Protein backbone atom coordinates (compact mmCIF):
# COMPACT_ATOMS: atom_id res chain seq x y z
CA UNK A 1 -80.15 -19.33 106.24
CA UNK A 2 -77.93 -22.12 105.13
CA UNK A 3 -77.05 -24.72 107.67
CA UNK A 4 -73.70 -26.49 107.46
CA UNK A 5 -73.35 -30.15 108.02
CA UNK A 6 -71.70 -30.92 111.37
CA UNK A 7 -69.01 -33.12 109.73
CA UNK A 8 -67.88 -30.44 107.23
CA UNK A 9 -65.75 -28.57 109.78
CA UNK A 10 -63.34 -31.48 110.62
CA UNK A 11 -62.88 -32.22 106.91
CA UNK A 12 -61.61 -28.70 106.36
CA UNK A 13 -59.24 -29.07 109.30
CA UNK A 14 -57.96 -32.40 107.90
CA UNK A 15 -57.38 -30.70 104.54
CA UNK A 16 -55.39 -27.91 106.22
CA UNK A 17 -53.35 -30.45 108.17
CA UNK A 18 -52.60 -32.50 105.02
CA UNK A 19 -51.65 -29.32 103.16
CA UNK A 20 -49.21 -28.35 105.91
CA UNK A 21 -47.64 -31.80 105.91
CA UNK A 22 -47.25 -31.69 102.12
CA UNK A 23 -45.69 -28.21 102.26
CA UNK A 24 -43.20 -29.34 104.90
CA UNK A 25 -42.45 -32.43 102.81
CA UNK A 26 -41.66 -30.32 99.73
CA UNK A 27 -39.55 -27.97 101.85
CA UNK A 28 -37.59 -30.83 103.47
CA UNK A 29 -36.96 -32.58 100.13
CA UNK A 30 -35.73 -29.34 98.61
CA UNK A 31 -33.35 -28.66 101.49
CA UNK A 32 -32.02 -32.24 101.28
CA UNK A 33 -31.30 -31.87 97.55
CA UNK A 34 -29.54 -28.50 97.96
CA UNK A 35 -27.44 -29.74 100.88
CA UNK A 36 -26.60 -32.96 99.01
CA UNK A 37 -25.45 -30.92 96.00
CA UNK A 38 -23.13 -29.00 98.30
CA UNK A 39 -21.80 -31.83 100.48
CA UNK A 40 -21.54 -34.93 98.27
CA UNK A 41 -18.82 -33.58 95.93
CA UNK A 42 -16.83 -32.57 99.00
CA UNK A 43 -17.24 -36.09 100.38
CA UNK A 44 -15.90 -37.55 97.12
CA UNK A 45 -12.91 -35.21 97.34
CA UNK A 46 -12.36 -36.34 100.93
CA UNK A 47 -12.37 -40.01 99.84
CA UNK A 48 -9.80 -39.23 97.11
CA UNK A 49 -7.65 -37.34 99.62
CA UNK A 50 -7.77 -40.26 102.04
CA UNK A 51 -6.71 -42.59 99.23
CA UNK A 52 -3.77 -40.30 98.41
CA UNK A 53 -2.85 -40.26 102.11
CA UNK A 54 -2.89 -44.07 102.17
CA UNK A 55 -0.60 -44.16 99.11
CA UNK A 56 1.75 -41.71 100.81
CA UNK A 57 1.80 -43.88 103.96
CA UNK A 58 2.73 -46.97 101.90
CA UNK A 59 5.50 -45.02 100.15
CA UNK A 60 6.74 -43.78 103.53
CA UNK A 61 6.82 -47.34 104.90
CA UNK A 62 8.79 -48.50 101.85
CA UNK A 63 11.27 -45.63 102.25
CA UNK A 64 11.63 -46.35 105.96
CA UNK A 65 12.32 -50.04 105.27
CA UNK A 66 14.83 -49.08 102.55
CA UNK A 67 16.63 -46.68 104.91
CA UNK A 68 16.74 -49.34 107.64
CA UNK A 69 18.19 -51.86 105.21
CA UNK A 70 20.86 -49.47 103.96
CA UNK A 71 21.68 -48.35 107.50
CA UNK A 72 22.07 -51.98 108.54
CA UNK A 73 24.49 -52.62 105.65
CA UNK A 74 26.52 -49.49 106.39
CA UNK A 75 26.60 -50.42 110.06
CA UNK A 76 27.79 -53.94 109.21
CA UNK A 77 30.61 -52.52 107.03
CA UNK A 78 31.63 -49.86 109.57
CA UNK A 79 31.64 -52.36 112.44
CA UNK A 80 33.61 -54.74 110.24
CA UNK A 81 31.16 -57.58 110.49
CA UNK A 82 33.25 -60.59 109.42
CA UNK A 83 30.44 -62.26 107.43
CA UNK A 84 29.63 -59.11 105.46
CA UNK A 85 33.28 -58.28 104.78
CA UNK A 86 33.99 -61.86 103.70
CA UNK A 87 31.01 -61.84 101.31
CA UNK A 88 32.10 -58.48 99.87
CA UNK A 89 35.65 -59.70 99.39
CA UNK A 90 34.55 -62.96 97.84
CA UNK A 91 32.20 -61.10 95.52
CA UNK A 92 34.96 -58.78 94.37
CA UNK A 93 37.28 -61.72 93.74
CA UNK A 94 34.60 -63.82 92.10
CA UNK A 95 34.84 -66.60 94.69
CA UNK A 96 31.26 -66.85 95.94
CA UNK A 97 30.24 -69.99 97.83
CA UNK A 98 27.31 -71.87 96.32
CA UNK A 99 25.26 -71.30 99.47
CA UNK A 100 25.39 -67.47 99.12
CA UNK A 101 24.37 -64.86 96.58
CA UNK A 102 26.90 -62.43 95.18
CA UNK A 103 26.72 -58.95 96.66
CA UNK A 104 28.57 -57.50 93.70
CA UNK A 105 28.43 -59.31 90.36
CA UNK A 106 31.94 -60.41 89.39
CA UNK A 107 33.32 -58.69 86.34
CA UNK A 108 30.58 -56.02 86.27
CA UNK A 109 31.67 -53.36 88.71
CA UNK A 110 29.24 -50.84 87.24
CA UNK A 111 26.23 -53.06 88.02
CA UNK A 112 26.44 -54.19 91.65
CA UNK A 113 23.65 -56.43 92.94
CA UNK A 114 24.19 -55.05 96.43
CA UNK A 115 21.51 -52.39 95.94
CA UNK A 116 19.01 -54.90 94.59
CA UNK A 117 19.59 -57.15 97.61
CA UNK A 118 19.15 -54.25 100.01
CA UNK A 119 15.83 -53.16 98.49
CA UNK A 120 12.83 -54.15 100.62
CA UNK A 121 9.90 -56.04 99.16
CA UNK A 122 7.29 -53.81 97.57
CA UNK A 123 4.20 -53.25 99.68
CA UNK A 124 0.71 -53.60 98.30
CA UNK A 125 -0.71 -50.24 97.27
CA UNK A 126 -4.38 -49.52 97.95
CA UNK A 127 -6.63 -49.24 94.90
CA UNK A 128 -9.16 -46.40 94.63
CA UNK A 129 -12.50 -47.87 93.60
CA UNK A 130 -15.26 -45.47 94.62
CA UNK A 131 -18.85 -46.63 94.40
CA UNK A 132 -21.17 -43.68 93.97
CA UNK A 133 -24.95 -43.61 94.27
CA UNK A 134 -27.09 -42.08 91.53
CA UNK A 135 -27.47 -38.87 93.50
CA UNK A 136 -23.70 -38.64 93.95
CA UNK A 137 -23.17 -39.18 90.23
CA UNK A 138 -25.72 -36.48 89.46
CA UNK A 139 -24.13 -33.89 91.73
CA UNK A 140 -20.58 -34.70 90.52
CA UNK A 141 -21.30 -33.53 86.98
CA UNK A 142 -21.50 -29.70 86.92
CA UNK A 143 -24.37 -29.51 84.41
CA UNK A 144 -26.63 -31.97 86.21
CA UNK A 145 -25.58 -30.47 89.56
CA UNK A 146 -27.14 -27.18 88.51
CA UNK A 147 -30.39 -29.01 87.70
CA UNK A 148 -30.36 -30.72 91.10
CA UNK A 149 -29.85 -27.37 92.84
CA UNK A 150 -32.58 -25.73 90.73
CA UNK A 151 -34.98 -28.59 91.47
CA UNK A 152 -34.18 -28.38 95.18
CA UNK A 153 -34.75 -24.64 95.21
CA UNK A 154 -38.08 -25.11 93.38
CA UNK A 155 -39.15 -27.63 96.02
CA UNK A 156 -38.15 -25.19 98.77
CA UNK A 157 -40.16 -22.46 97.05
CA UNK A 158 -43.23 -24.73 96.80
CA UNK A 159 -42.78 -25.59 100.46
CA UNK A 160 -42.69 -21.98 101.67
CA UNK A 161 -45.59 -20.75 99.55
CA UNK A 162 -48.80 -20.31 101.54
CA UNK A 163 -51.58 -22.80 100.94
CA UNK A 164 -54.30 -21.78 98.51
CA UNK A 165 -57.54 -20.76 100.18
CA UNK A 166 -60.95 -21.27 98.68
CA UNK A 167 -63.12 -18.13 98.51
C-alpha cells in the first residue's frame, strides 16, 4: 500500500484555492471590460451633452443681456428720458458733443450705431477638450470595441469554466 506524505494534502488544497482565485480574477476582469465597453461611450456622450448645455446657457445669458439692453433703451424712449432723447436728436442732426458717442451715425440713416451700442459684450464660450484614457479610446472606435467585448467575454468564459482535475 502506498503511503502519502502528510504535507501533500495541504498543497492540493492550496492549488485549489489558487485556482479559484485565478478563475474569479478572469471572471472579474472580463465583466469589467464588457461593462466598460457599454458604459464609457455613454459617458463620452454625456460629457458632450453637458458641453452643449453649457454653450446653450452662455447663449441664453447673452440673449437675456441683449433683451435687457433693448428693453432699457425702449423704456428710456417711452418715458422720454431727457438725456436719451437729447442724444438721439443730436445724432440725427449731426451735433454730437465730443464727450458722447453718436447713437445714429449722421448722414447714414441705413446704418445706425444704436444697435451696436446696445449689444452686450460677448461672453466666453466653454471649449470642449476631452481627455480620454486608452480604454476609452479603444471602446470609442466600433472595430476595436468589438475586440474589447470579445476579449471580455473570453475572460468571462475562462472564469466560469470548471478547474481541470488531475486523474
